[in-house]
Amino acid sequence: MDWLINVSGSLSVWAYEGADFGWGRPRRTENVRMNHDGQVALVRARDGQGVQVSVSMLQRARMDTFKSQFLPLLG
């Protein structure tokens, strides 16, 4: 099977620091537009010490395959 992986990001986007609308920093942010099968978004965690991973899988079989490949990488 051939795979196409596209990775993008911006160090200038600080979702938690830039999203204070007067009532404090958000507890969590989400990538709203994840409507395509196989999309993965990595966002710096609120405390700056980790990464929040969001995955969009429209087919259950694909999610199971992704988990079997990705979760072992987390240790």
N, C-alpha and C. Protein backbone atom coordinates (compact mmCIF):
# COMPACT_ATOMS: atom_id res chain seq x y z
N MET A 1 0.84 -1.18 0.00
CA MET A 1 0.00 0.00 0.00
C MET A 1 0.88 1.24 0.00
N ASP A 2 0.57 2.20 -0.84
CA ASP A 2 1.29 3.47 -0.87
C ASP A 2 0.65 4.43 0.13
N TRP A 3 1.50 5.23 0.77
CA TRP A 3 1.03 6.19 1.76
C TRP A 3 1.49 7.59 1.38
N LEU A 4 0.64 8.54 1.56
CA LEU A 4 0.98 9.95 1.38
C LEU A 4 0.81 10.61 2.74
N ILE A 5 1.87 11.21 3.23
CA ILE A 5 1.81 11.88 4.52
C ILE A 5 2.17 13.35 4.32
N ASN A 6 1.33 14.22 4.81
CA ASN A 6 1.56 15.65 4.74
C ASN A 6 1.64 16.17 6.17
N VAL A 7 2.74 16.81 6.49
CA VAL A 7 2.93 17.37 7.83
C VAL A 7 3.13 18.87 7.70
N SER A 8 2.38 19.63 8.47
CA SER A 8 2.55 21.08 8.44
C SER A 8 2.35 21.62 9.84
N GLY A 9 2.84 22.80 10.05
CA GLY A 9 2.70 23.42 11.35
C GLY A 9 3.26 24.82 11.33
N SER A 10 3.09 25.51 12.42
CA SER A 10 3.59 26.87 12.53
C SER A 10 3.99 27.14 13.97
N LEU A 11 5.22 27.53 14.16
CA LEU A 11 5.67 27.89 15.50
C LEU A 11 5.09 29.21 15.96
N SER A 12 4.51 29.97 15.02
CA SER A 12 3.95 31.27 15.39
C SER A 12 2.51 31.17 15.89
N VAL A 13 1.90 29.99 15.80
CA VAL A 13 0.53 29.83 16.27
C VAL A 13 0.58 29.24 17.68
N TRP A 14 0.15 30.01 18.63
CA TRP A 14 0.12 29.58 20.03
C TRP A 14 -1.35 29.52 20.44
N ALA A 15 -1.97 28.38 20.24
CA ALA A 15 -3.41 28.24 20.44
C ALA A 15 -3.84 28.63 21.84
N TYR A 16 -3.08 28.25 22.85
CA TYR A 16 -3.51 28.53 24.22
C TYR A 16 -3.18 29.94 24.65
N GLU A 17 -2.03 30.46 24.26
CA GLU A 17 -1.65 31.81 24.67
C GLU A 17 -2.44 32.87 23.90
N GLY A 18 -2.75 32.61 22.64
CA GLY A 18 -3.42 33.60 21.80
C GLY A 18 -4.93 33.57 21.88
N ALA A 19 -5.49 32.64 22.64
CA ALA A 19 -6.94 32.49 22.66
C ALA A 19 -7.58 33.03 23.93
N ASP A 20 -6.94 33.95 24.61
CA ASP A 20 -7.50 34.53 25.83
C ASP A 20 -8.41 35.69 25.44
N PHE A 21 -9.72 35.48 25.57
CA PHE A 21 -10.69 36.51 25.19
C PHE A 21 -11.20 37.30 26.39
N GLY A 22 -10.45 37.24 27.49
CA GLY A 22 -10.82 38.02 28.65
C GLY A 22 -11.26 37.19 29.84
N TRP A 23 -11.51 35.92 29.64
CA TRP A 23 -11.93 35.07 30.75
C TRP A 23 -10.92 33.96 31.04
N GLY A 24 -9.68 34.15 30.60
CA GLY A 24 -8.61 33.19 30.90
C GLY A 24 -8.27 32.29 29.73
N ARG A 25 -7.19 31.57 29.89
CA ARG A 25 -6.74 30.65 28.84
C ARG A 25 -7.69 29.46 28.74
N PRO A 26 -7.89 28.92 27.55
CA PRO A 26 -8.76 27.75 27.40
C PRO A 26 -8.15 26.51 28.05
N ARG A 27 -9.01 25.61 28.48
CA ARG A 27 -8.53 24.33 29.02
C ARG A 27 -8.05 23.42 27.90
N ARG A 28 -8.69 23.55 26.75
CA ARG A 28 -8.34 22.69 25.62
C ARG A 28 -8.76 23.37 24.33
N THR A 29 -7.99 23.16 23.27
CA THR A 29 -8.37 23.63 21.95
C THR A 29 -8.49 22.43 21.03
N GLU A 30 -9.25 22.57 19.96
CA GLU A 30 -9.44 21.50 18.99
C GLU A 30 -9.27 22.04 17.58
N ASN A 31 -8.80 21.20 16.70
CA ASN A 31 -8.74 21.53 15.29
C ASN A 31 -10.14 21.29 14.74
N VAL A 32 -10.86 22.35 14.42
CA VAL A 32 -12.27 22.25 14.05
C VAL A 32 -12.47 21.57 12.71
N ARG A 33 -11.62 21.81 11.75
CA ARG A 33 -11.84 21.29 10.41
C ARG A 33 -11.01 20.03 10.18
N MET A 34 -11.48 18.94 10.69
CA MET A 34 -10.85 17.65 10.47
C MET A 34 -11.93 16.72 9.93
N ASN A 35 -12.27 16.89 8.67
CA ASN A 35 -13.35 16.12 8.09
C ASN A 35 -12.89 15.22 6.94
N HIS A 36 -11.61 14.94 6.89
CA HIS A 36 -11.08 14.05 5.86
C HIS A 36 -10.45 12.85 6.53
N ASP A 37 -10.65 11.70 5.96
CA ASP A 37 -10.11 10.46 6.51
C ASP A 37 -8.60 10.51 6.58
N GLY A 38 -8.07 10.20 7.75
CA GLY A 38 -6.62 10.11 7.90
C GLY A 38 -5.92 11.37 8.35
N GLN A 39 -6.66 12.41 8.71
CA GLN A 39 -6.01 13.64 9.17
C GLN A 39 -5.52 13.47 10.60
N VAL A 40 -4.33 13.99 10.86
CA VAL A 40 -3.75 13.96 12.20
C VAL A 40 -3.26 15.37 12.52
N ALA A 41 -3.64 15.88 13.68
CA ALA A 41 -3.19 17.21 14.11
C ALA A 41 -2.43 17.07 15.42
N LEU A 42 -1.25 17.66 15.47
CA LEU A 42 -0.43 17.68 16.69
C LEU A 42 -0.36 19.12 17.17
N VAL A 43 -0.76 19.36 18.41
CA VAL A 43 -0.79 20.70 18.98
C VAL A 43 -0.06 20.67 20.32
N ARG A 44 0.72 21.70 20.59
CA ARG A 44 1.42 21.79 21.87
C ARG A 44 0.39 21.76 23.01
N ALA A 45 0.67 21.00 24.04
CA ALA A 45 -0.22 20.90 25.19
C ALA A 45 -0.29 22.23 25.92
N ARG A 46 -1.35 22.41 26.67
CA ARG A 46 -1.56 23.69 27.37
C ARG A 46 -0.40 24.04 28.29
N ASP A 47 0.16 23.04 28.96
CA ASP A 47 1.27 23.31 29.88
C ASP A 47 2.61 23.43 29.17
N GLY A 48 2.63 23.23 27.86
CA GLY A 48 3.86 23.35 27.09
C GLY A 48 4.79 22.17 27.24
N GLN A 49 4.37 21.15 27.98
CA GLN A 49 5.23 20.01 28.27
C GLN A 49 4.87 18.76 27.47
N GLY A 50 3.90 18.85 26.61
CA GLY A 50 3.47 17.66 25.87
C GLY A 50 2.82 18.03 24.56
N VAL A 51 2.20 17.05 23.95
CA VAL A 51 1.55 17.23 22.66
C VAL A 51 0.15 16.64 22.72
N GLN A 52 -0.82 17.38 22.19
CA GLN A 52 -2.19 16.89 22.06
C GLN A 52 -2.33 16.34 20.65
N VAL A 53 -2.79 15.11 20.51
CA VAL A 53 -2.94 14.46 19.21
C VAL A 53 -4.42 14.31 18.90
N SER A 54 -4.86 14.81 17.75
CA SER A 54 -6.23 14.62 17.27
C SER A 54 -6.16 13.85 15.97
N VAL A 55 -7.00 12.83 15.83
CA VAL A 55 -6.99 11.97 14.65
C VAL A 55 -8.39 11.88 14.08
N SER A 56 -8.51 12.01 12.76
CA SER A 56 -9.79 11.87 12.07
C SER A 56 -9.74 10.62 11.20
N MET A 57 -10.49 9.61 11.59
CA MET A 57 -10.59 8.38 10.81
C MET A 57 -12.07 8.10 10.59
N LEU A 58 -12.49 8.07 9.35
CA LEU A 58 -13.90 7.86 9.05
C LEU A 58 -14.28 6.39 8.99
N GLN A 59 -13.29 5.52 8.83
CA GLN A 59 -13.57 4.09 8.75
C GLN A 59 -12.92 3.37 9.93
N ARG A 60 -13.67 2.55 10.63
CA ARG A 60 -13.20 1.86 11.83
C ARG A 60 -11.94 1.02 11.54
N ALA A 61 -11.92 0.32 10.41
CA ALA A 61 -10.77 -0.52 10.08
C ALA A 61 -9.50 0.30 9.96
N ARG A 62 -9.60 1.49 9.42
CA ARG A 62 -8.42 2.35 9.30
C ARG A 62 -7.94 2.82 10.67
N MET A 63 -8.86 3.10 11.57
CA MET A 63 -8.47 3.53 12.91
C MET A 63 -7.74 2.41 13.64
N ASP A 64 -8.23 1.19 13.49
CA ASP A 64 -7.57 0.05 14.13
C ASP A 64 -6.15 -0.12 13.59
N THR A 65 -5.97 0.05 12.28
CA THR A 65 -4.64 -0.05 11.68
C THR A 65 -3.74 1.08 12.19
N PHE A 66 -4.28 2.29 12.25
CA PHE A 66 -3.51 3.43 12.75
C PHE A 66 -3.06 3.19 14.19
N LYS A 67 -3.98 2.73 15.04
CA LYS A 67 -3.63 2.47 16.44
C LYS A 67 -2.52 1.43 16.56
N SER A 68 -2.60 0.39 15.74
CA SER A 68 -1.60 -0.67 15.84
C SER A 68 -0.21 -0.18 15.44
N GLN A 69 -0.15 0.84 14.59
CA GLN A 69 1.13 1.40 14.16
C GLN A 69 1.60 2.55 15.05
N PHE A 70 0.68 3.36 15.54
CA PHE A 70 1.03 4.59 16.25
C PHE A 70 1.28 4.38 17.75
N LEU A 71 0.41 3.64 18.41
CA LEU A 71 0.51 3.49 19.86
C LEU A 71 1.83 2.90 20.32
N PRO A 72 2.42 1.93 19.62
CA PRO A 72 3.73 1.42 20.06
C PRO A 72 4.82 2.50 20.06
N LEU A 73 4.67 3.52 19.25
CA LEU A 73 5.66 4.60 19.20
C LEU A 73 5.63 5.46 20.46
N LEU A 74 4.52 5.44 21.17
CA LEU A 74 4.38 6.25 22.38
C LEU A 74 5.09 5.65 23.58
N GLY A 75 5.43 4.38 23.48
CA GLY A 75 6.15 3.72 24.58
C GLY A 75 5.24 3.27 25.61
